């Protein structure tokens, strides 16, 4: 039995002010990802390691000591200190098939830096699944990255 559905595209963007310079935010976002990637977002379980090779073709990967691995995203483009373009896929087990084209950018503003998150989802996308993705990123970046950056 087959299930034919129409693919949809949904885009969203949000900004997260962080009381650090854009350069500091970039360094923490890239080099310290395992420190701010919260346990609730570790698909392979607590104690897994999250790493990011921020070069074209590099990966955002979660791995465990027993050899399990999950590729969250692959790096499509990087402008060091400014923006990172990532492409990822969600399997049907996680609500897909869906492709995500995620852009993470940092900028300096008068009162500190800002992280700008843009995502375009294509595939099995509903308003609810897109809102869940956006809410998840907001939580991860606010409660993980921003908290680490601001020392709170």
N, C-alpha and C. Protein backbone atom coordinates (compact mmCIF):
# COMPACT_ATOMS: atom_id res chain seq x y z
N UNK A 1 0.85 -1.18 0.00
CA UNK A 1 0.00 0.00 0.00
C UNK A 1 0.89 1.24 0.00
N UNK A 2 0.59 2.17 -0.88
CA UNK A 2 1.39 3.39 -0.95
C UNK A 2 0.58 4.57 -0.43
N UNK A 3 1.31 5.57 0.00
CA UNK A 3 0.70 6.78 0.54
C UNK A 3 1.31 7.95 -0.21
N UNK A 4 0.54 8.58 -1.09
CA UNK A 4 1.04 9.70 -1.89
C UNK A 4 0.55 10.99 -1.26
N UNK A 5 1.51 11.87 -0.97
CA UNK A 5 1.17 13.18 -0.43
C UNK A 5 1.93 14.24 -1.22
N UNK A 6 1.46 15.44 -1.16
CA UNK A 6 2.14 16.55 -1.82
C UNK A 6 3.25 17.10 -0.91
N UNK A 7 4.40 17.37 -1.49
CA UNK A 7 5.49 18.00 -0.75
C UNK A 7 5.15 19.47 -0.55
N UNK A 8 5.61 20.01 0.56
CA UNK A 8 5.36 21.41 0.87
C UNK A 8 6.68 22.08 1.23
N UNK A 9 6.69 23.39 1.11
CA UNK A 9 7.86 24.19 1.50
C UNK A 9 7.40 25.18 2.56
N UNK A 10 8.18 25.27 3.61
CA UNK A 10 7.87 26.24 4.65
C UNK A 10 9.18 26.88 5.11
N UNK A 11 9.19 28.20 5.24
CA UNK A 11 10.38 28.93 5.66
C UNK A 11 10.08 29.71 6.94
N UNK A 12 11.12 29.84 7.77
CA UNK A 12 11.00 30.70 8.95
C UNK A 12 12.36 31.28 9.28
N UNK A 13 12.34 32.36 10.04
CA UNK A 13 13.58 33.01 10.47
C UNK A 13 13.33 33.66 11.83
N UNK A 14 14.36 33.65 12.66
CA UNK A 14 14.27 34.38 13.92
C UNK A 14 15.67 34.86 14.30
N UNK A 15 15.69 35.85 15.18
CA UNK A 15 16.95 36.41 15.68
C UNK A 15 17.03 36.20 17.18
N UNK A 16 18.24 35.94 17.65
CA UNK A 16 18.48 35.76 19.08
C UNK A 16 19.62 36.68 19.50
N UNK A 17 19.30 37.77 20.23
CA UNK A 17 20.35 38.66 20.72
C UNK A 17 21.17 37.93 21.80
N UNK A 18 22.49 38.10 21.74
CA UNK A 18 23.38 37.50 22.71
C UNK A 18 24.39 38.56 23.12
N UNK A 19 24.62 38.69 24.42
CA UNK A 19 25.49 39.75 24.93
C UNK A 19 26.97 39.35 24.83
N UNK A 20 27.39 39.10 23.62
CA UNK A 20 28.78 38.81 23.27
C UNK A 20 29.00 39.32 21.85
N UNK A 21 30.24 39.45 21.45
CA UNK A 21 30.52 39.88 20.08
C UNK A 21 30.16 38.76 19.10
N UNK A 22 29.95 39.13 17.85
CA UNK A 22 29.66 38.14 16.82
C UNK A 22 30.81 37.13 16.73
N UNK A 23 32.04 37.59 16.86
CA UNK A 23 33.21 36.70 16.80
C UNK A 23 33.17 35.67 17.93
N UNK A 24 32.81 36.12 19.13
CA UNK A 24 32.70 35.20 20.26
C UNK A 24 31.57 34.19 20.06
N UNK A 25 30.44 34.67 19.56
CA UNK A 25 29.29 33.78 19.31
C UNK A 25 29.68 32.72 18.29
N UNK A 26 30.35 33.15 17.23
CA UNK A 26 30.78 32.22 16.18
C UNK A 26 31.68 31.12 16.76
N UNK A 27 32.67 31.54 17.52
CA UNK A 27 33.62 30.58 18.09
C UNK A 27 32.91 29.58 18.98
N UNK A 28 32.03 30.06 19.85
CA UNK A 28 31.29 29.15 20.73
C UNK A 28 30.37 28.23 19.93
N UNK A 29 29.68 28.79 18.95
CA UNK A 29 28.74 28.02 18.15
C UNK A 29 29.44 26.88 17.42
N UNK A 30 30.62 27.14 16.88
CA UNK A 30 31.34 26.16 16.08
C UNK A 30 32.21 25.25 16.96
N UNK A 31 33.08 25.86 17.75
CA UNK A 31 34.11 25.10 18.47
C UNK A 31 33.63 24.46 19.77
N UNK A 32 32.58 24.99 20.35
CA UNK A 32 32.11 24.49 21.64
C UNK A 32 30.72 23.86 21.54
N UNK A 33 30.36 23.36 20.38
CA UNK A 33 29.00 22.87 20.15
C UNK A 33 28.59 21.77 21.13
N UNK A 34 29.52 20.91 21.49
CA UNK A 34 29.17 19.84 22.42
C UNK A 34 28.82 20.38 23.81
N UNK A 35 29.40 21.52 24.17
CA UNK A 35 29.14 22.11 25.49
C UNK A 35 27.75 22.73 25.58
N UNK A 36 27.22 23.25 24.48
CA UNK A 36 25.91 23.91 24.54
C UNK A 36 24.78 23.08 23.95
N UNK A 37 25.08 21.98 23.27
CA UNK A 37 24.03 21.13 22.69
C UNK A 37 23.40 20.34 23.84
N UNK A 38 22.20 20.70 24.21
CA UNK A 38 21.55 20.17 25.41
C UNK A 38 21.20 18.69 25.28
N UNK A 39 21.19 18.00 26.42
CA UNK A 39 20.90 16.56 26.44
C UNK A 39 19.56 16.22 25.81
N UNK A 40 18.55 17.05 26.00
CA UNK A 40 17.22 16.79 25.43
C UNK A 40 17.24 16.74 23.90
N UNK A 41 18.29 17.29 23.28
CA UNK A 41 18.39 17.33 21.82
C UNK A 41 19.36 16.30 21.27
N UNK A 42 19.86 15.45 22.12
CA UNK A 42 20.79 14.40 21.70
C UNK A 42 19.98 13.16 21.32
N UNK A 43 19.82 12.96 20.02
CA UNK A 43 19.00 11.87 19.52
C UNK A 43 19.56 10.50 19.88
N UNK A 44 20.88 10.42 20.07
CA UNK A 44 21.50 9.13 20.42
C UNK A 44 21.63 8.94 21.92
N UNK A 45 21.10 9.88 22.67
CA UNK A 45 21.06 9.74 24.12
C UNK A 45 22.08 10.58 24.85
N UNK A 46 21.81 10.73 26.13
CA UNK A 46 22.70 11.48 27.00
C UNK A 46 24.08 10.85 26.97
N UNK A 47 25.10 11.68 26.96
CA UNK A 47 26.46 11.18 26.92
C UNK A 47 27.04 11.09 25.52
N UNK A 48 26.20 11.30 24.50
CA UNK A 48 26.73 11.32 23.14
C UNK A 48 27.56 12.59 22.95
N UNK A 49 28.35 12.61 21.89
CA UNK A 49 29.19 13.77 21.59
C UNK A 49 28.70 14.40 20.30
N UNK A 50 28.58 15.73 20.30
CA UNK A 50 28.17 16.47 19.11
C UNK A 50 29.38 17.25 18.62
N UNK A 51 29.66 17.13 17.32
CA UNK A 51 30.81 17.83 16.74
C UNK A 51 30.41 18.46 15.41
N UNK A 52 31.14 19.50 15.05
CA UNK A 52 30.87 20.21 13.80
C UNK A 52 32.18 20.53 13.11
N UNK A 53 32.32 20.03 11.89
CA UNK A 53 33.45 20.36 11.03
C UNK A 53 32.92 21.44 10.08
N UNK A 54 33.23 22.71 10.39
CA UNK A 54 32.65 23.85 9.66
C UNK A 54 33.46 24.16 8.40
N UNK A 55 33.64 23.15 7.57
CA UNK A 55 34.23 23.31 6.25
C UNK A 55 33.27 22.71 5.24
N UNK A 56 33.32 23.17 4.00
CA UNK A 56 32.40 22.64 2.98
C UNK A 56 32.55 21.13 2.90
N UNK A 57 31.42 20.44 2.98
CA UNK A 57 31.42 18.98 3.00
C UNK A 57 31.57 18.41 4.39
N UNK A 58 31.86 19.27 5.37
CA UNK A 58 31.96 18.83 6.77
C UNK A 58 30.59 18.46 7.31
N UNK A 59 30.59 17.91 8.49
CA UNK A 59 29.34 17.38 9.05
C UNK A 59 29.08 17.92 10.46
N UNK A 60 27.81 18.05 10.78
CA UNK A 60 27.35 18.22 12.15
C UNK A 60 26.90 16.82 12.55
N UNK A 61 27.67 16.18 13.43
CA UNK A 61 27.48 14.77 13.74
C UNK A 61 27.33 14.56 15.24
N UNK A 62 26.47 13.63 15.58
CA UNK A 62 26.35 13.14 16.95
C UNK A 62 26.86 11.71 16.95
N UNK A 63 27.68 11.36 17.95
CA UNK A 63 28.24 10.02 18.00
C UNK A 63 28.33 9.53 19.44
N UNK A 64 28.41 8.22 19.59
CA UNK A 64 28.54 7.60 20.90
C UNK A 64 29.81 6.77 20.96
N UNK A 65 30.21 6.40 22.16
CA UNK A 65 31.44 5.62 22.32
C UNK A 65 31.31 4.22 21.75
N UNK A 66 30.08 3.72 21.55
CA UNK A 66 29.93 2.37 21.00
C UNK A 66 29.86 2.38 19.46
N UNK A 67 30.09 3.54 18.83
CA UNK A 67 30.15 3.62 17.38
C UNK A 67 28.89 4.09 16.68
N UNK A 68 27.79 4.32 17.41
CA UNK A 68 26.58 4.85 16.78
C UNK A 68 26.83 6.28 16.34
N UNK A 69 26.30 6.66 15.16
CA UNK A 69 26.48 8.01 14.64
C UNK A 69 25.20 8.49 13.97
N UNK A 70 24.98 9.78 14.04
CA UNK A 70 23.86 10.43 13.35
C UNK A 70 24.40 11.70 12.70
N UNK A 71 24.22 11.81 11.38
CA UNK A 71 24.58 13.05 10.70
C UNK A 71 23.35 13.96 10.76
N UNK A 72 23.47 15.05 11.52
CA UNK A 72 22.39 16.02 11.60
C UNK A 72 22.35 16.86 10.33
N UNK A 73 23.50 17.37 9.93
CA UNK A 73 23.60 18.26 8.76
C UNK A 73 24.94 18.09 8.09
N UNK A 74 25.00 18.54 6.85
CA UNK A 74 26.25 18.63 6.09
C UNK A 74 26.44 20.10 5.72
N UNK A 75 27.69 20.56 5.76
CA UNK A 75 28.00 21.96 5.47
C UNK A 75 28.02 22.18 3.97
N UNK A 76 27.20 23.14 3.53
CA UNK A 76 27.11 23.50 2.12
C UNK A 76 28.02 24.69 1.80
N UNK A 77 28.06 25.66 2.72
CA UNK A 77 28.85 26.88 2.50
C UNK A 77 29.22 27.46 3.85
N UNK A 78 30.40 28.03 3.93
CA UNK A 78 30.81 28.70 5.15
C UNK A 78 31.52 30.00 4.80
N UNK A 79 31.16 31.05 5.52
CA UNK A 79 31.87 32.32 5.47
C UNK A 79 32.36 32.53 6.90
N UNK A 80 33.61 32.15 7.21
CA UNK A 80 34.08 32.13 8.59
C UNK A 80 33.80 33.43 9.34
N UNK A 81 33.24 33.26 10.52
CA UNK A 81 32.91 34.41 11.37
C UNK A 81 31.63 35.09 11.00
N UNK A 82 30.95 34.65 9.94
CA UNK A 82 29.74 35.34 9.49
C UNK A 82 28.54 34.41 9.29
N UNK A 83 28.69 33.35 8.47
CA UNK A 83 27.52 32.51 8.19
C UNK A 83 27.92 31.08 7.85
N UNK A 84 26.97 30.20 8.13
CA UNK A 84 27.14 28.77 7.90
C UNK A 84 25.85 28.25 7.29
N UNK A 85 25.95 27.61 6.12
CA UNK A 85 24.80 27.03 5.45
C UNK A 85 24.88 25.51 5.60
N UNK A 86 23.80 24.91 6.08
CA UNK A 86 23.76 23.48 6.35
C UNK A 86 22.57 22.85 5.64
N UNK A 87 22.74 21.60 5.20
CA UNK A 87 21.66 20.84 4.57
C UNK A 87 21.50 19.54 5.36
N UNK A 88 20.27 19.27 5.77
CA UNK A 88 20.01 18.06 6.54
C UNK A 88 18.73 17.39 6.10
N UNK A 89 18.57 16.15 6.55
CA UNK A 89 17.42 15.34 6.15
C UNK A 89 16.79 14.68 7.37
N UNK A 90 15.46 14.60 7.35
CA UNK A 90 14.73 13.87 8.38
C UNK A 90 14.11 12.63 7.76
N UNK A 91 14.36 11.49 8.36
CA UNK A 91 13.81 10.23 7.89
C UNK A 91 12.33 10.14 8.28
N UNK A 92 11.60 9.25 7.63
CA UNK A 92 10.18 9.07 7.97
C UNK A 92 9.94 8.77 9.46
N UNK A 93 10.88 8.08 10.10
CA UNK A 93 10.73 7.80 11.53
C UNK A 93 10.64 9.07 12.37
N UNK A 94 11.18 10.18 11.86
CA UNK A 94 11.17 11.45 12.58
C UNK A 94 10.25 12.46 11.93
N UNK A 95 9.26 12.00 11.18
CA UNK A 95 8.28 12.90 10.58
C UNK A 95 8.55 13.25 9.13
N UNK A 96 9.64 12.78 8.56
CA UNK A 96 9.99 13.07 7.17
C UNK A 96 9.22 12.18 6.22
N UNK A 97 9.67 12.11 4.99
CA UNK A 97 10.94 12.67 4.53
C UNK A 97 10.87 14.18 4.37
N UNK A 98 11.88 14.84 4.92
CA UNK A 98 11.96 16.29 4.87
C UNK A 98 13.42 16.70 4.73
N UNK A 99 13.66 17.70 3.91
CA UNK A 99 14.97 18.32 3.80
C UNK A 99 14.93 19.66 4.53
N UNK A 100 16.03 19.99 5.18
CA UNK A 100 16.16 21.27 5.88
C UNK A 100 17.38 21.99 5.32
N UNK A 101 17.19 23.24 4.95
CA UNK A 101 18.30 24.09 4.51
C UNK A 101 18.42 25.21 5.54
N UNK A 102 19.35 25.01 6.47
CA UNK A 102 19.50 25.86 7.64
C UNK A 102 20.65 26.83 7.45
N UNK A 103 20.42 28.10 7.75
CA UNK A 103 21.48 29.11 7.71
C UNK A 103 21.64 29.69 9.11
N UNK A 104 22.87 29.71 9.59
CA UNK A 104 23.19 30.32 10.87
C UNK A 104 24.14 31.47 10.59
N UNK A 105 23.75 32.68 10.97
CA UNK A 105 24.57 33.86 10.72
C UNK A 105 24.73 34.64 12.02
N UNK A 106 25.87 35.30 12.15
CA UNK A 106 26.11 36.15 13.31
C UNK A 106 26.45 37.56 12.84
N UNK A 107 25.98 38.54 13.61
CA UNK A 107 26.26 39.94 13.31
C UNK A 107 26.48 40.68 14.61
N UNK A 108 27.29 41.73 14.53
CA UNK A 108 27.42 42.64 15.66
C UNK A 108 26.33 43.69 15.56
N UNK A 109 25.78 44.03 16.70
CA UNK A 109 24.80 45.11 16.81
C UNK A 109 25.28 46.05 17.90
N UNK A 110 24.59 47.15 18.10
CA UNK A 110 25.02 48.15 19.08
C UNK A 110 25.16 47.57 20.48
N UNK A 111 24.25 46.68 20.86
CA UNK A 111 24.22 46.17 22.24
C UNK A 111 24.77 44.74 22.35
N UNK A 112 25.58 44.31 21.40
CA UNK A 112 26.14 42.96 21.43
C UNK A 112 25.95 42.29 20.08
N UNK A 113 25.97 40.99 20.11
CA UNK A 113 25.81 40.25 18.86
C UNK A 113 24.42 39.66 18.72
N UNK A 114 24.17 39.12 17.55
CA UNK A 114 22.89 38.47 17.30
C UNK A 114 23.14 37.24 16.43
N UNK A 115 22.43 36.16 16.75
CA UNK A 115 22.41 34.97 15.94
C UNK A 115 21.14 35.01 15.11
N UNK A 116 21.28 34.88 13.80
CA UNK A 116 20.13 34.88 12.89
C UNK A 116 19.99 33.48 12.33
N UNK A 117 18.85 32.87 12.62
CA UNK A 117 18.58 31.49 12.19
C UNK A 117 17.51 31.52 11.12
N UNK A 118 17.82 30.97 9.95
CA UNK A 118 16.86 30.86 8.84
C UNK A 118 16.79 29.40 8.45
N UNK A 119 15.58 28.91 8.23
CA UNK A 119 15.42 27.51 7.83
C UNK A 119 14.35 27.42 6.75
N UNK A 120 14.59 26.58 5.77
CA UNK A 120 13.59 26.26 4.75
C UNK A 120 13.42 24.75 4.77
N UNK A 121 12.20 24.31 4.98
CA UNK A 121 11.87 22.89 5.04
C UNK A 121 11.12 22.51 3.78
N UNK A 122 11.49 21.37 3.20
CA UNK A 122 10.84 20.88 2.00
C UNK A 122 10.53 19.39 2.18
N UNK A 123 9.30 19.02 1.87
CA UNK A 123 8.93 17.61 1.96
C UNK A 123 7.63 17.44 2.72
N UNK A 124 7.62 16.49 3.63
CA UNK A 124 6.46 16.21 4.45
C UNK A 124 6.41 17.24 5.59
N UNK A 125 5.96 18.44 5.26
CA UNK A 125 5.97 19.56 6.19
C UNK A 125 4.55 20.01 6.47
N UNK A 126 4.24 20.16 7.75
CA UNK A 126 2.96 20.73 8.16
C UNK A 126 3.26 21.98 9.00
N UNK A 127 2.26 22.78 9.21
CA UNK A 127 2.44 23.95 10.08
C UNK A 127 2.94 23.50 11.45
N UNK A 128 2.39 22.40 11.94
CA UNK A 128 2.76 21.89 13.25
C UNK A 128 4.21 21.41 13.29
N UNK A 129 4.65 20.68 12.26
CA UNK A 129 6.03 20.18 12.26
C UNK A 129 7.02 21.33 12.10
N UNK A 130 6.67 22.33 11.30
CA UNK A 130 7.54 23.48 11.13
C UNK A 130 7.63 24.29 12.42
N UNK A 131 6.50 24.47 13.10
CA UNK A 131 6.50 25.19 14.38
C UNK A 131 7.33 24.43 15.41
N UNK A 132 7.24 23.11 15.39
CA UNK A 132 8.03 22.29 16.31
C UNK A 132 9.52 22.45 16.03
N UNK A 133 9.91 22.47 14.76
CA UNK A 133 11.32 22.66 14.40
C UNK A 133 11.80 24.03 14.85
N UNK A 134 11.02 25.06 14.55
CA UNK A 134 11.41 26.42 14.94
C UNK A 134 11.51 26.54 16.45
N UNK A 135 10.52 26.02 17.18
CA UNK A 135 10.55 26.08 18.65
C UNK A 135 11.75 25.33 19.21
N UNK A 136 12.09 24.20 18.57
CA UNK A 136 13.24 23.43 19.02
C UNK A 136 14.54 24.20 18.87
N UNK A 137 14.73 24.81 17.70
CA UNK A 137 15.94 25.60 17.49
C UNK A 137 16.00 26.78 18.45
N UNK A 138 14.86 27.45 18.65
CA UNK A 138 14.84 28.58 19.59
C UNK A 138 15.27 28.13 20.98
N UNK A 139 14.75 27.00 21.43
CA UNK A 139 15.10 26.49 22.75
C UNK A 139 16.57 26.11 22.82
N UNK A 140 17.06 25.38 21.81
CA UNK A 140 18.45 24.94 21.83
C UNK A 140 19.41 26.13 21.82
N UNK A 141 19.14 27.10 20.97
CA UNK A 141 20.06 28.24 20.89
C UNK A 141 19.93 29.17 22.10
N UNK A 142 18.72 29.36 22.64
CA UNK A 142 18.54 30.24 23.80
C UNK A 142 19.03 29.58 25.09
N UNK A 143 18.59 28.35 25.32
CA UNK A 143 18.93 27.67 26.57
C UNK A 143 20.29 26.99 26.53
N UNK A 144 20.83 26.79 25.33
CA UNK A 144 22.14 26.16 25.20
C UNK A 144 23.21 27.18 24.87
N UNK A 145 23.25 27.65 23.63
CA UNK A 145 24.31 28.56 23.18
C UNK A 145 24.31 29.89 23.93
N UNK A 146 23.16 30.55 24.01
CA UNK A 146 23.09 31.86 24.66
C UNK A 146 23.45 31.75 26.14
N UNK A 147 22.95 30.73 26.80
CA UNK A 147 23.26 30.55 28.23
C UNK A 147 24.76 30.36 28.43
N UNK A 148 25.39 29.55 27.58
CA UNK A 148 26.85 29.36 27.69
C UNK A 148 27.58 30.67 27.39
N UNK A 149 27.17 31.37 26.34
CA UNK A 149 27.84 32.62 25.93
C UNK A 149 27.75 33.70 26.99
N UNK A 150 26.59 33.78 27.65
CA UNK A 150 26.39 34.84 28.63
C UNK A 150 26.71 34.40 30.05
N UNK A 151 27.09 33.14 30.20
CA UNK A 151 27.47 32.63 31.51
C UNK A 151 26.35 32.59 32.52
N UNK A 152 25.11 32.42 32.03
CA UNK A 152 23.98 32.38 32.97
C UNK A 152 23.45 30.99 33.17
